[in-house]
Amino acid sequence: MSDHEAVRTPADTSLSGWYGILPPPKAPEVLRGRHKADWLIVGAGFAGMAAARRLSQLVPNERIVVVDAQRVGWGAAGRNSGFMIDLPHELGGENYGGSQDHDRKRIRMNRAAIEFSASAADEYGLQGFFVRAGKFHGAATDHGLTVLRDFESHLTSLGEPFERLDGPVLKKITGTDFFVGGTFTPGTAMAQPAGLVRGIAEGLSSRVKIFENSPVTSLQTGKLHTVTTTEGEISAPRLILTVNGHLESFGFFKKRLLHVFTYASMTRALSKSEQAALGGEPHWGLIPADPMGSTIRRIGDRIVVRNTFTYNPDMSTNEKQVRRIGAVHDRSFRARFPMLGQIPMEFRWGGHLCLSLNSAPAFGEVEERVFVAGCCNGLGTVQGTLYGMLAADLAAGSNHPMVADALNEPAPVRLYPEPLMSIGAPLKLWAMQKRAGREF
C-alpha cells in the first residue's frame, strides 16, 4: 500500500479559444461522497478519453469512472493546436525527424491512434471536429527551405508521400506571401481539440461515468485503490492515471519530466470583407519549417497563431505571462497578414506540455494494477490517444500487439541536476527560438 499526496492540481487560466467558440456545456457532475467502480481513470484529456473508450469496448459490462480536476476540454487537451500528426515530429530536432527504425515505428503507432480517433468521430457524429486534411510545412527563409529539403529526403527514405510547394501556391492556400515555399503531407488529421474531447466524453456518457471539477488531492493504492477529491472519494481495484505531466505531482517519474508551456492567440471572427482581403482557402493548418517557429491555423472566419515555449516547472502559467507573449503573437500575425491590419485577438491562452530529455513516454504499470499514460512530448492529441488506448489494453490484459511496442520504449531519463535545469532549460528554449528567426 502506498500513499500519494498531490503536490499540485491542474488550474489552467485564460479561456482557450477552442473552448470559447463552443456552446456552453451542461452543468458538471462533481464527485461527492463515497463511490466504488471496477475501473477508475484520473484525467479526462485525450489519453483519459481514449482509455475510457477502449475499456468500454473491452469490458462493456463493468463500471468505468473518469475523474477530472477541471471541465472536460478546459485543460491541456483543449489548448493545443489540434494537429494529429502521423509522421515523426521531434520538437527538439531541426527537421522533426529521427532514426529510420524509430520513425517507422512511430508512424505506425501514430496512425493507429488517428484511426481510433476517426472511429470515435464516426461513432459519435463528431466529423466537424475531426478532418483528414493533411498539414502544410511553411518556410519563410532560404534556411527554412533547406530544412524542408532535409525533411523531404527523410520522408523519401521512409517511403512516405509529400508534395513540394512554391511560394505562389502557398499564397493561394493561405492568402499570404510570407512563405517562400513549403511541403504538404497528407496523413495528418486536424481536430478542434476542445470540441473533439468534449464530444467523445458526451458520446461515452451512457457507458462511462465522468466527474468534472473534482481535483484529486491524494491516491492510496493497495488491494483497492482509493482516490480522494476535495468533496468525495472513489475506490476501484484498477487505476489508470492519464494526467500527463501531473504524474509527477503524485510522485511518479520525479525529476524525469520537463514541464513547458506554449501559447496561442485566436482572432475575433473576420468580417466578409476581411476574409475577401485575405483570400486563400477557409480551412488549413501550417507548421513552421523550424519546430520553434509559428504554427498557424485558419478555421473559417478565425485565425490561430501559436508560438513561444517557456519552462514552467511549477506546471502553471499566469495572465501576465499570457499577455506578454500575446504581444509576440500580434507581431508574428501582422508579419504574415498585413492585409488584415490591426485585427484584435479575442482569445489568448497557454497550455502545458510534458517532455522528456530522451523523447520517451511515461507508460506502463508503475504499481500493482496502477497504470500510467503520459509525457506525450508535444503530441498530446495523437500520442495521448495512443498511450491512453494502450494503457487500457495493458490493464485489461488484451493482446494488442502495440502494447509490447509501447513497453519496449525507453523510460524518461533523469533531468539534469539543479541549477542546470532552471538556468539551462530557459536558455536552451531561447536559443532554439532565436534559431527559428523569421520562421518565428
Foldseek 3Di string as FASTA:
>chain_A
DDKFFFQDADDFDFFAPLVVVDDDDDDFAADAAEAEFAEEEEDLALLRLLLLVLLCVVPVVTAYEYEYQADQLRAQQQHAQQKLDLFQAAQPDFQRDDDLVVGVLSNVLSLVLLVSLVVLCVLLVVCVFKAQAWAKAFEQDPVLVVSVVVNVVSCVVNVFDKDKFAQVVVCQAFLFSRGGIIMTGRGIMGGSRSSSSVSSCVVCVVRYHYGHSWIWRMWDDDCWIWTHTPRYIYIHRAYEYLPAPSVVSRPPCPQQKWKKKKKKFKFDFADPVLCVLSHHDQWHWYAYSGSQFWTWTHHGRMIMIIHDMDGDVVNYDDPVVQVVVVVVVQVLVCSGCVSNPRGDTPTMGMHIAMAFPVRAWQFDAPDVNYTYTHRNNSNCNRSSSSRSNLSSCVSSVHPDPCVVVNVPTDDRDGHDDPPCCVPVVRVSSVVSNVVCPSSD
